[in-house]
Amino acid sequence: MLRTTDSENQFVVDILTDLRNEKFSLLAWMHFLGSSWKRSCATARANPTLNRSWIHTTIFIGAFVLAILLLNFIFEGLISTLRLMPGFLFFVAWQQSDLYWHLGLKRQSRTGKLLHVIGAATTLTLLRGLGASYLLGRCIGGIYTPSWLLLLVFLCGIITDILDGQIARRTQTQTKYGQIADGEADFFLYLAIACILIQNSILPLWFGLLILLRFVIPLFATIASYFLFAHPIRFGSTMWGKAAGLALCFYFLLLLVPGQLIFLTRFLNRPLSIATLLLLAIAPLAQITRNKIVTTYR
């Protein structure tokens, strides 16, 4: 099984090297995407059980999408729902197609064995991504999002973030895709919350931009490593990254507390915002440094 994993990695390195050698031309990009898609389809055909699990998971997520749209129609009306749909459906479709595209990464981290089901841990991560997609859809559609709704989606995101990691470790279903999807779900959820808080004049624009940079800097470093040097990045969080995520989580909760607890905001806002800013600055540097060290020792 480990040989299969090495083969997957070599395939990625080869097509990225070809892309770089052809100077990222349009034809090279078409070859890159075509080769990746054929590999994904081949993985799905060779593993029908995993493919069926993807279909069932997509239907499950689709049922949640329909329920959310129905509730939005009941409580906010047709116009609001129509404004929500383009962004919401786009991000959900992107998430589910991304899962299909990376079925080959559903391999157990320790053994390299390809799993036959999507699993509960990944499904919880997808639900967090669904919440992020809903908030981004509202933001793109210019729909006002009250703090109580933002807090509800955020709390659901926190719960799924805690549970997916616990379940993956207990069931020994930790995968590379899970690490990637977890980071993507966190990025889009925090981005959506920051955008809506800025939209509602609760969070300063400059603070929101710093939050965005905390995720974008490692992302750009990853893209540069993949496409410019054909070198895969080691995924996973650092101690500083976890601390920054925890501080940001508490800061968002502080900003979204009900009016009866507003006294907490007065006393904790400044020290918590300073601590969060410092950790947000350190976290991406720690991530890049760790990957640089790993590369050096290889």
C-alpha atoms as a PDB file:
ATOM      1  CA  MET A   1       0.000   0.000   0.000  1.00  0.00           C
ATOM      2  CA  LEU A   2       2.855   2.345   0.728  1.00  0.00           C
ATOM      3  CA  ARG A   3       4.119   1.724  -2.804  1.00  0.00           C
ATOM      4  CA  THR A   4       0.744   2.876  -4.100  1.00  0.00           C
ATOM      5  CA  THR A   5       1.064   6.061  -2.061  1.00  0.00           C
ATOM      6  CA  ASP A   6       4.565   6.646  -3.458  1.00  0.00           C
ATOM      7  CA  SER A   7       3.159   6.103  -6.961  1.00  0.00           C
ATOM      8  CA  GLU A   8       0.473   8.734  -6.307  1.00  0.00           C
ATOM      9  CA  ASN A   9       3.080  11.215  -5.090  1.00  0.00           C
ATOM     10  CA  GLN A  10       5.330  10.524  -8.083  1.00  0.00           C
ATOM     11  CA  PHE A  11       2.396  11.068 -10.459  1.00  0.00           C
ATOM     12  CA  VAL A  12       1.730  14.482  -8.898  1.00  0.00           C
ATOM     13  CA  VAL A  13       5.401  15.439  -9.069  1.00  0.00           C
ATOM     14  CA  ASP A  14       5.653  14.345 -12.721  1.00  0.00           C
ATOM     15  CA  ILE A  15       2.650  16.355 -13.972  1.00  0.00           C
ATOM     16  CA  LEU A  16       3.732  19.398 -11.951  1.00  0.00           C
ATOM     17  CA  THR A  17       7.236  19.140 -13.427  1.00  0.00           C
ATOM     18  CA  ASP A  18       5.766  18.945 -16.948  1.00  0.00           C
ATOM     19  CA  LEU A  19       3.619  21.998 -16.181  1.00  0.00           C
ATOM     20  CA  ARG A  20       6.647  23.971 -15.030  1.00  0.00           C
ATOM     21  CA  ASN A  21       8.826  22.840 -17.968  1.00  0.00           C
ATOM     22  CA  GLU A  22       6.146  23.976 -20.414  1.00  0.00           C
ATOM     23  CA  LYS A  23       6.195  27.416 -18.734  1.00  0.00           C
ATOM     24  CA  PHE A  24       2.597  27.187 -17.485  1.00  0.00           C
ATOM     25  CA  SER A  25       1.173  27.635 -20.967  1.00  0.00           C
ATOM     26  CA  LEU A  26      -2.531  27.183 -21.679  1.00  0.00           C
ATOM     27  CA  LEU A  27      -1.849  23.821 -23.342  1.00  0.00           C
ATOM     28  CA  ALA A  28       0.194  22.731 -20.319  1.00  0.00           C
ATOM     29  CA  TRP A  29      -2.650  23.670 -17.964  1.00  0.00           C
ATOM     30  CA  MET A  30      -5.118  21.712 -20.095  1.00  0.00           C
ATOM     31  CA  HIS A  31      -2.811  18.675 -19.965  1.00  0.00           C
ATOM     32  CA  PHE A  32      -2.369  19.104 -16.209  1.00  0.00           C
ATOM     33  CA  LEU A  33      -6.108  19.283 -15.509  1.00  0.00           C
ATOM     34  CA  GLY A  34      -6.889  16.508 -17.976  1.00  0.00           C
ATOM     35  CA  SER A  35      -4.321  14.152 -16.441  1.00  0.00           C
ATOM     36  CA  SER A  36      -5.565  14.907 -12.925  1.00  0.00           C
ATOM     37  CA  TRP A  37      -9.186  14.313 -13.926  1.00  0.00           C
ATOM     38  CA  LYS A  38      -8.374  11.005 -15.649  1.00  0.00           C
ATOM     39  CA  ARG A  39      -6.493   9.876 -12.540  1.00  0.00           C
ATOM     40  CA  SER A  40      -9.482  10.780 -10.349  1.00  0.00           C
ATOM     41  CA  CYS A  41     -11.900   8.909 -12.604  1.00  0.00           C
ATOM     42  CA  ALA A  42      -9.572   5.905 -12.672  1.00  0.00           C
ATOM     43  CA  THR A  43      -9.483   5.886  -8.866  1.00  0.00           C
ATOM     44  CA  ALA A  44     -13.286   6.026  -8.730  1.00  0.00           C
ATOM     45  CA  ARG A  45     -13.666   3.168 -11.244  1.00  0.00           C
ATOM     46  CA  ALA A  46     -11.096   1.011  -9.474  1.00  0.00           C
ATOM     47  CA  ASN A  47     -12.811   1.559  -6.106  1.00  0.00           C
ATOM     48  CA  PRO A  48     -16.583   1.368  -6.674  1.00  0.00           C
ATOM     49  CA  THR A  49     -17.326   1.169  -2.942  1.00  0.00           C
ATOM     50  CA  LEU A  50     -15.502   4.457  -2.332  1.00  0.00           C
ATOM     51  CA  ASN A  51     -17.240   6.000  -5.343  1.00  0.00           C
ATOM     52  CA  ARG A  52     -20.663   4.943  -4.012  1.00  0.00           C
ATOM     53  CA  SER A  53     -19.720   6.400  -0.624  1.00  0.00           C
ATOM     54  CA  TRP A  54     -18.941   9.718  -2.338  1.00  0.00           C
ATOM     55  CA  ILE A  55     -22.353   9.624  -4.063  1.00  0.00           C
ATOM     56  CA  HIS A  56     -24.149   8.877  -0.772  1.00  0.00           C
ATOM     57  CA  THR A  57     -22.216  11.633   1.012  1.00  0.00           C
ATOM     58  CA  THR A  58     -23.049  14.113  -1.756  1.00  0.00           C
ATOM     59  CA  ILE A  59     -26.760  13.191  -1.530  1.00  0.00           C
ATOM     60  CA  PHE A  60     -26.566  13.652   2.254  1.00  0.00           C
ATOM     61  CA  ILE A  61     -24.992  17.098   1.859  1.00  0.00           C
ATOM     62  CA  GLY A  62     -27.526  17.905  -0.867  1.00  0.00           C
ATOM     63  CA  ALA A  63     -30.385  17.137   1.535  1.00  0.00           C
ATOM     64  CA  PHE A  64     -28.922  19.674   3.977  1.00  0.00           C
ATOM     65  CA  VAL A  65     -28.656  22.219   1.156  1.00  0.00           C
ATOM     66  CA  LEU A  66     -32.334  21.805   0.290  1.00  0.00           C
ATOM     67  CA  ALA A  67     -33.331  22.058   3.969  1.00  0.00           C
ATOM     68  CA  ILE A  68     -31.311  25.274   4.387  1.00  0.00           C
ATOM     69  CA  LEU A  69     -32.834  26.814   1.259  1.00  0.00           C
ATOM     70  CA  LEU A  70     -36.325  25.848   2.398  1.00  0.00           C
ATOM     71  CA  LEU A  71     -35.818  27.342   5.866  1.00  0.00           C
ATOM     72  CA  ASN A  72     -34.335  30.477   4.347  1.00  0.00           C
ATOM     73  CA  PHE A  73     -37.374  30.773   2.059  1.00  0.00           C
ATOM     74  CA  ILE A  74     -39.794  30.330   4.998  1.00  0.00           C
ATOM     75  CA  PHE A  75     -38.121  32.880   7.274  1.00  0.00           C
ATOM     76  CA  GLU A  76     -36.613  35.396   4.828  1.00  0.00           C
ATOM     77  CA  GLY A  77     -38.674  35.064   1.661  1.00  0.00           C
ATOM     78  CA  LEU A  78     -38.098  34.339  -2.015  1.00  0.00           C
ATOM     79  CA  ILE A  79     -35.901  37.343  -2.897  1.00  0.00           C
ATOM     80  CA  SER A  80     -33.411  36.632  -0.119  1.00  0.00           C
ATOM     81  CA  THR A  81     -33.248  32.946  -1.084  1.00  0.00           C
ATOM     82  CA  LEU A  82     -32.630  33.754  -4.748  1.00  0.00           C
ATOM     83  CA  ARG A  83     -29.812  36.118  -3.764  1.00  0.00           C
ATOM     84  CA  LEU A  84     -28.337  33.429  -1.510  1.00  0.00           C
ATOM     85  CA  MET A  85     -28.407  30.585  -4.036  1.00  0.00           C
ATOM     86  CA  PRO A  86     -25.627  31.467  -6.560  1.00  0.00           C
ATOM     87  CA  GLY A  87     -22.795  31.774  -4.054  1.00  0.00           C
ATOM     88  CA  PHE A  88     -24.124  29.054  -1.745  1.00  0.00           C
ATOM     89  CA  LEU A  89     -24.572  26.452  -4.488  1.00  0.00           C
ATOM     90  CA  PHE A  90     -21.251  27.347  -6.121  1.00  0.00           C
ATOM     91  CA  PHE A  91     -19.226  26.708  -2.966  1.00  0.00           C
ATOM     92  CA  VAL A  92     -21.100  23.486  -2.127  1.00  0.00           C
ATOM     93  CA  ALA A  93     -20.592  22.173  -5.672  1.00  0.00           C
ATOM     94  CA  TRP A  94     -16.908  23.110  -5.460  1.00  0.00           C
ATOM     95  CA  GLN A  95     -16.539  21.258  -2.156  1.00  0.00           C
ATOM     96  CA  GLN A  96     -18.159  18.034  -3.369  1.00  0.00           C
ATOM     97  CA  SER A  97     -16.321  18.027  -6.707  1.00  0.00           C
ATOM     98  CA  ASP A  98     -13.060  18.680  -4.850  1.00  0.00           C
ATOM     99  CA  LEU A  99     -13.749  15.574  -2.756  1.00  0.00           C
ATOM    100  CA  TYR A 100     -14.255  13.480  -5.903  1.00  0.00           C
ATOM    101  CA  TRP A 101     -11.135  14.961  -7.466  1.00  0.00           C
ATOM    102  CA  HIS A 102      -9.087  13.873  -4.439  1.00  0.00           C
ATOM    103  CA  LEU A 103     -10.536  10.443  -3.716  1.00  0.00           C
ATOM    104  CA  GLY A 104      -7.025   9.077  -4.134  1.00  0.00           C
ATOM    105  CA  LEU A 105      -5.996  10.995  -0.995  1.00  0.00           C
ATOM    106  CA  LYS A 106      -8.472   9.052   1.177  1.00  0.00           C
ATOM    107  CA  ARG A 107      -5.582   6.944   2.426  1.00  0.00           C
ATOM    108  CA  GLN A 108      -4.881   6.109   6.015  1.00  0.00           C
ATOM    109  CA  SER A 109      -1.989   8.325   7.094  1.00  0.00           C
ATOM    110  CA  ARG A 110      -0.140   5.585   8.986  1.00  0.00           C
ATOM    111  CA  THR A 111      -0.359   2.711   6.477  1.00  0.00           C
ATOM    112  CA  GLY A 112      -1.162   4.384   3.154  1.00  0.00           C
ATOM    113  CA  LYS A 113      -4.172   2.073   2.721  1.00  0.00           C
ATOM    114  CA  LEU A 114      -6.969   3.498   0.583  1.00  0.00           C
ATOM    115  CA  LEU A 115     -10.185   3.717   2.620  1.00  0.00           C
ATOM    116  CA  HIS A 116     -13.415   2.378   1.146  1.00  0.00           C
ATOM    117  CA  VAL A 117     -15.782   4.973   2.635  1.00  0.00           C
ATOM    118  CA  ILE A 118     -15.750   8.729   3.048  1.00  0.00           C
ATOM    119  CA  GLY A 119     -16.359   8.278   6.768  1.00  0.00           C
ATOM    120  CA  ALA A 120     -17.963  10.210   9.589  1.00  0.00           C
ATOM    121  CA  ALA A 121     -14.925  12.433  10.229  1.00  0.00           C
ATOM    122  CA  THR A 122     -14.775  13.763   6.661  1.00  0.00           C
ATOM    123  CA  THR A 123     -18.567  14.153   6.568  1.00  0.00           C
ATOM    124  CA  LEU A 124     -18.411  16.391   9.649  1.00  0.00           C
ATOM    125  CA  THR A 125     -15.706  18.460   7.961  1.00  0.00           C
ATOM    126  CA  LEU A 126     -17.941  18.776   4.893  1.00  0.00           C
ATOM    127  CA  LEU A 127     -20.801  19.965   7.107  1.00  0.00           C
ATOM    128  CA  ARG A 128     -18.527  22.684   8.467  1.00  0.00           C
ATOM    129  CA  GLY A 129     -17.749  23.616   4.877  1.00  0.00           C
ATOM    130  CA  LEU A 130     -21.498  23.680   4.213  1.00  0.00           C
ATOM    131  CA  GLY A 131     -21.956  26.225   7.007  1.00  0.00           C
ATOM    132  CA  ALA A 132     -19.141  28.323   5.561  1.00  0.00           C
ATOM    133  CA  SER A 133     -20.738  28.097   2.099  1.00  0.00           C
ATOM    134  CA  TYR A 134     -24.044  29.328   3.516  1.00  0.00           C
ATOM    135  CA  LEU A 135     -22.426  32.343   5.154  1.00  0.00           C
ATOM    136  CA  LEU A 136     -20.381  33.147   2.044  1.00  0.00           C
ATOM    137  CA  GLY A 137     -23.547  32.886  -0.049  1.00  0.00           C
ATOM    138  CA  ARG A 138     -25.246  35.415   2.206  1.00  0.00           C
ATOM    139  CA  CYS A 139     -22.226  37.698   2.108  1.00  0.00           C
ATOM    140  CA  ILE A 140     -21.911  37.556  -1.694  1.00  0.00           C
ATOM    141  CA  GLY A 141     -25.661  38.057  -2.072  1.00  0.00           C
ATOM    142  CA  GLY A 142     -25.532  41.163   0.116  1.00  0.00           C
ATOM    143  CA  ILE A 143     -27.951  39.655   2.661  1.00  0.00           C
ATOM    144  CA  TYR A 144     -27.788  40.979   6.209  1.00  0.00           C
ATOM    145  CA  THR A 145     -26.790  38.240   8.679  1.00  0.00           C
ATOM    146  CA  PRO A 146     -27.797  38.847  12.317  1.00  0.00           C
ATOM    147  CA  SER A 147     -25.291  38.054  15.043  1.00  0.00           C
ATOM    148  CA  TRP A 148     -27.408  35.231  16.504  1.00  0.00           C
ATOM    149  CA  LEU A 149     -27.396  33.366  13.157  1.00  0.00           C
ATOM    150  CA  LEU A 150     -23.676  33.943  12.723  1.00  0.00           C
ATOM    151  CA  LEU A 151     -23.084  32.651  16.258  1.00  0.00           C
ATOM    152  CA  LEU A 152     -25.235  29.565  15.619  1.00  0.00           C
ATOM    153  CA  VAL A 153     -23.312  28.601  12.461  1.00  0.00           C
ATOM    154  CA  PHE A 154     -20.005  29.331  14.198  1.00  0.00           C
ATOM    155  CA  LEU A 155     -20.861  27.120  17.186  1.00  0.00           C
ATOM    156  CA  CYS A 156     -21.847  24.302  14.818  1.00  0.00           C
ATOM    157  CA  GLY A 157     -18.503  24.785  13.087  1.00  0.00           C
ATOM    158  CA  ILE A 158     -16.623  24.569  16.389  1.00  0.00           C
ATOM    159  CA  ILE A 159     -18.455  21.362  17.349  1.00  0.00           C
ATOM    160  CA  THR A 160     -17.725  19.677  13.999  1.00  0.00           C
ATOM    161  CA  ASP A 161     -14.099  20.836  14.181  1.00  0.00           C
ATOM    162  CA  ILE A 162     -13.685  19.145  17.553  1.00  0.00           C
ATOM    163  CA  LEU A 163     -15.546  15.975  16.603  1.00  0.00           C
ATOM    164  CA  ASP A 164     -13.995  15.281  13.190  1.00  0.00           C
ATOM    165  CA  GLY A 165     -10.473  15.108  14.595  1.00  0.00           C
ATOM    166  CA  GLN A 166     -11.543  12.980  17.567  1.00  0.00           C
ATOM    167  CA  ILE A 167     -13.440  10.535  15.371  1.00  0.00           C
ATOM    168  CA  ALA A 168     -10.613  10.287  12.837  1.00  0.00           C
ATOM    169  CA  ARG A 169      -8.106   9.428  15.573  1.00  0.00           C
ATOM    170  CA  ARG A 170     -10.360   6.942  17.374  1.00  0.00           C
ATOM    171  CA  THR A 171     -11.341   5.133  14.155  1.00  0.00           C
ATOM    172  CA  GLN A 172      -7.822   5.413  12.680  1.00  0.00           C
ATOM    173  CA  THR A 173      -9.187   7.108   9.563  1.00  0.00           C
ATOM    174  CA  GLN A 174      -6.809  10.069   9.480  1.00  0.00           C
ATOM    175  CA  THR A 175      -6.000  10.890   5.857  1.00  0.00           C
ATOM    176  CA  LYS A 176      -4.134  13.486   3.864  1.00  0.00           C
ATOM    177  CA  TYR A 177      -7.410  14.602   2.316  1.00  0.00           C
ATOM    178  CA  GLY A 178      -8.851  15.054   5.813  1.00  0.00           C
ATOM    179  CA  GLN A 179      -6.001  17.381   6.723  1.00  0.00           C
ATOM    180  CA  ILE A 180      -6.475  19.411   3.540  1.00  0.00           C
ATOM    181  CA  ALA A 181     -10.279  19.551   3.830  1.00  0.00           C
ATOM    182  CA  ASP A 182     -10.077  20.515   7.503  1.00  0.00           C
ATOM    183  CA  GLY A 183      -7.816  23.458   6.696  1.00  0.00           C
ATOM    184  CA  GLU A 184     -10.020  24.552   3.783  1.00  0.00           C
ATOM    185  CA  ALA A 185     -13.195  24.388   5.890  1.00  0.00           C
ATOM    186  CA  ASP A 186     -11.567  26.453   8.645  1.00  0.00           C
ATOM    187  CA  PHE A 187     -10.287  28.995   6.118  1.00  0.00           C
ATOM    188  CA  PHE A 188     -13.668  29.566   4.471  1.00  0.00           C
ATOM    189  CA  LEU A 189     -15.577  29.577   7.764  1.00  0.00           C
ATOM    190  CA  TYR A 190     -13.322  32.173   9.384  1.00  0.00           C
ATOM    191  CA  LEU A 191     -13.200  34.170   6.155  1.00  0.00           C
ATOM    192  CA  ALA A 192     -17.003  34.217   5.950  1.00  0.00           C
ATOM    193  CA  ILE A 193     -17.386  35.235   9.590  1.00  0.00           C
ATOM    194  CA  ALA A 194     -14.770  37.986   9.243  1.00  0.00           C
ATOM    195  CA  CYS A 195     -16.449  39.357   6.093  1.00  0.00           C
ATOM    196  CA  ILE A 196     -19.874  39.430   7.742  1.00  0.00           C
ATOM    197  CA  LEU A 197     -18.515  41.055  10.915  1.00  0.00           C
ATOM    198  CA  ILE A 198     -16.917  43.731   8.713  1.00  0.00           C
ATOM    199  CA  GLN A 199     -20.166  44.051   6.766  1.00  0.00           C
ATOM    200  CA  ASN A 200     -22.045  44.550  10.055  1.00  0.00           C
ATOM    201  CA  SER A 201     -19.468  47.146  11.268  1.00  0.00           C
ATOM    202  CA  ILE A 202     -18.453  44.927  14.208  1.00  0.00           C
ATOM    203  CA  LEU A 203     -14.901  44.139  13.039  1.00  0.00           C
ATOM    204  CA  PRO A 204     -12.475  46.719  11.548  1.00  0.00           C
ATOM    205  CA  LEU A 205     -11.486  46.123   7.933  1.00  0.00           C
ATOM    206  CA  TRP A 206      -7.767  45.994   8.742  1.00  0.00           C
ATOM    207  CA  PHE A 207      -8.351  43.241  11.305  1.00  0.00           C
ATOM    208  CA  GLY A 208     -10.266  41.211   8.734  1.00  0.00           C
ATOM    209  CA  LEU A 209      -7.407  41.606   6.249  1.00  0.00           C
ATOM    210  CA  LEU A 210      -4.943  40.277   8.833  1.00  0.00           C
ATOM    211  CA  ILE A 211      -7.168  37.245   9.387  1.00  0.00           C
ATOM    212  CA  LEU A 212      -7.197  36.682   5.638  1.00  0.00           C
ATOM    213  CA  LEU A 213      -3.394  36.941   5.452  1.00  0.00           C
ATOM    214  CA  ARG A 214      -3.041  34.361   8.245  1.00  0.00           C
ATOM    215  CA  PHE A 215      -4.525  31.768   5.863  1.00  0.00           C
ATOM    216  CA  VAL A 216      -3.429  33.199   2.515  1.00  0.00           C
ATOM    217  CA  ILE A 217       0.331  33.342   3.228  1.00  0.00           C
ATOM    218  CA  PRO A 218       0.678  29.569   3.872  1.00  0.00           C
ATOM    219  CA  LEU A 219      -1.669  28.940   0.924  1.00  0.00           C
ATOM    220  CA  PHE A 220       0.514  30.946  -1.457  1.00  0.00           C
ATOM    221  CA  ALA A 221       3.627  29.231  -0.065  1.00  0.00           C
ATOM    222  CA  THR A 222       1.994  25.864  -0.770  1.00  0.00           C
ATOM    223  CA  ILE A 223       1.003  26.860  -4.310  1.00  0.00           C
ATOM    224  CA  ALA A 224       4.516  28.152  -5.015  1.00  0.00           C
ATOM    225  CA  SER A 225       6.072  24.946  -3.698  1.00  0.00           C
ATOM    226  CA  TYR A 226       3.770  22.778  -5.803  1.00  0.00           C
ATOM    227  CA  PHE A 227       3.753  24.672  -9.076  1.00  0.00           C
ATOM    228  CA  LEU A 228       7.179  26.351  -9.126  1.00  0.00           C
ATOM    229  CA  PHE A 229       9.283  23.612  -7.527  1.00  0.00           C
ATOM    230  CA  ALA A 230       7.054  20.508  -7.938  1.00  0.00           C
ATOM    231  CA  HIS A 231       7.556  19.794  -4.248  1.00  0.00           C
ATOM    232  CA  PRO A 232       4.625  18.564  -2.108  1.00  0.00           C
ATOM    233  CA  ILE A 233       4.043  20.413   1.167  1.00  0.00           C
ATOM    234  CA  ARG A 234       3.694  18.706   4.512  1.00  0.00           C
ATOM    235  CA  PHE A 235       0.188  19.451   5.778  1.00  0.00           C
ATOM    236  CA  GLY A 236      -0.799  19.768   9.392  1.00  0.00           C
ATOM    237  CA  SER A 237      -1.003  22.474  12.014  1.00  0.00           C
ATOM    238  CA  THR A 238       1.726  23.763  14.288  1.00  0.00           C
ATOM    239  CA  MET A 239       1.507  24.668  17.958  1.00  0.00           C
ATOM    240  CA  TRP A 240       1.405  28.351  16.979  1.00  0.00           C
ATOM    241  CA  GLY A 241      -1.296  27.680  14.403  1.00  0.00           C
ATOM    242  CA  LYS A 242      -3.468  25.922  16.967  1.00  0.00           C
ATOM    243  CA  ALA A 243      -2.943  28.766  19.442  1.00  0.00           C
ATOM    244  CA  ALA A 244      -3.852  31.357  16.779  1.00  0.00           C
ATOM    245  CA  GLY A 245      -6.986  29.414  15.830  1.00  0.00           C
ATOM    246  CA  LEU A 246      -8.042  29.130  19.460  1.00  0.00           C
ATOM    247  CA  ALA A 247      -7.458  32.841  20.119  1.00  0.00           C
ATOM    248  CA  LEU A 248      -9.374  33.813  16.977  1.00  0.00           C
ATOM    249  CA  CYS A 249     -12.207  31.486  17.972  1.00  0.00           C
ATOM    250  CA  PHE A 250     -12.515  33.120  21.403  1.00  0.00           C
ATOM    251  CA  TYR A 251     -12.290  36.593  19.862  1.00  0.00           C
ATOM    252  CA  PHE A 252     -15.147  35.877  17.439  1.00  0.00           C
ATOM    253  CA  LEU A 253     -17.224  34.432  20.275  1.00  0.00           C
ATOM    254  CA  LEU A 254     -16.549  37.571  22.289  1.00  0.00           C
ATOM    255  CA  LEU A 255     -17.745  39.772  19.412  1.00  0.00           C
ATOM    256  CA  LEU A 256     -20.904  37.681  18.969  1.00  0.00           C
ATOM    257  CA  VAL A 257     -22.005  37.386  22.612  1.00  0.00           C
ATOM    258  CA  PRO A 258     -25.619  38.398  23.306  1.00  0.00           C
ATOM    259  CA  GLY A 259     -26.298  41.943  24.516  1.00  0.00           C
ATOM    260  CA  GLN A 260     -26.771  40.776  28.109  1.00  0.00           C
ATOM    261  CA  LEU A 261     -23.077  39.814  28.253  1.00  0.00           C
ATOM    262  CA  ILE A 262     -21.745  42.984  26.646  1.00  0.00           C
ATOM    263  CA  PHE A 263     -19.706  43.748  29.780  1.00  0.00           C
ATOM    264  CA  LEU A 264     -17.375  40.885  28.784  1.00  0.00           C
ATOM    265  CA  THR A 265     -16.557  42.640  25.539  1.00  0.00           C
ATOM    266  CA  ARG A 266     -15.577  45.844  27.338  1.00  0.00           C
ATOM    267  CA  PHE A 267     -13.019  44.133  29.583  1.00  0.00           C
ATOM    268  CA  LEU A 268     -11.655  41.417  27.297  1.00  0.00           C
ATOM    269  CA  ASN A 269     -11.760  42.991  23.840  1.00  0.00           C
ATOM    270  CA  ARG A 270      -8.427  44.812  23.872  1.00  0.00           C
ATOM    271  CA  PRO A 271      -6.180  42.154  25.515  1.00  0.00           C
ATOM    272  CA  LEU A 272      -7.725  39.335  23.475  1.00  0.00           C
ATOM    273  CA  SER A 273      -7.462  41.283  20.219  1.00  0.00           C
ATOM    274  CA  ILE A 274      -3.760  42.027  20.861  1.00  0.00           C
ATOM    275  CA  ALA A 275      -3.015  38.376  21.678  1.00  0.00           C
ATOM    276  CA  THR A 276      -4.923  37.261  18.586  1.00  0.00           C
ATOM    277  CA  LEU A 277      -3.048  39.689  16.332  1.00  0.00           C
ATOM    278  CA  LEU A 278       0.337  38.498  17.600  1.00  0.00           C
ATOM    279  CA  LEU A 279      -0.561  34.836  17.135  1.00  0.00           C
ATOM    280  CA  LEU A 280      -2.015  35.489  13.677  1.00  0.00           C
ATOM    281  CA  ALA A 281       1.321  37.028  12.681  1.00  0.00           C
ATOM    282  CA  ILE A 282       3.415  34.187  14.107  1.00  0.00           C
ATOM    283  CA  ALA A 283       1.302  31.224  12.914  1.00  0.00           C
ATOM    284  CA  PRO A 284       1.950  31.420   9.122  1.00  0.00           C
ATOM    285  CA  LEU A 285       5.666  32.023   9.695  1.00  0.00           C
ATOM    286  CA  ALA A 286       5.819  28.940  11.918  1.00  0.00           C
ATOM    287  CA  GLN A 287       4.033  26.871   9.253  1.00  0.00           C
ATOM    288  CA  ILE A 288       6.415  28.004   6.506  1.00  0.00           C
ATOM    289  CA  THR A 289       9.465  27.457   8.742  1.00  0.00           C
ATOM    290  CA  ARG A 290       8.387  23.923   9.610  1.00  0.00           C
ATOM    291  CA  ASN A 291       7.932  22.999   5.969  1.00  0.00           C
ATOM    292  CA  LYS A 292      11.300  24.549   5.121  1.00  0.00           C
ATOM    293  CA  ILE A 293      12.989  22.463   7.829  1.00  0.00           C
ATOM    294  CA  VAL A 294      11.284  19.297   6.595  1.00  0.00           C
ATOM    295  CA  THR A 295      12.423  20.057   3.030  1.00  0.00           C
ATOM    296  CA  THR A 296      16.003  20.683   4.154  1.00  0.00           C
ATOM    297  CA  TYR A 297      16.283  17.393   6.024  1.00  0.00           C
ATOM    298  CA  ARG A 298      14.890  15.447   3.082  1.00  0.00           C
END
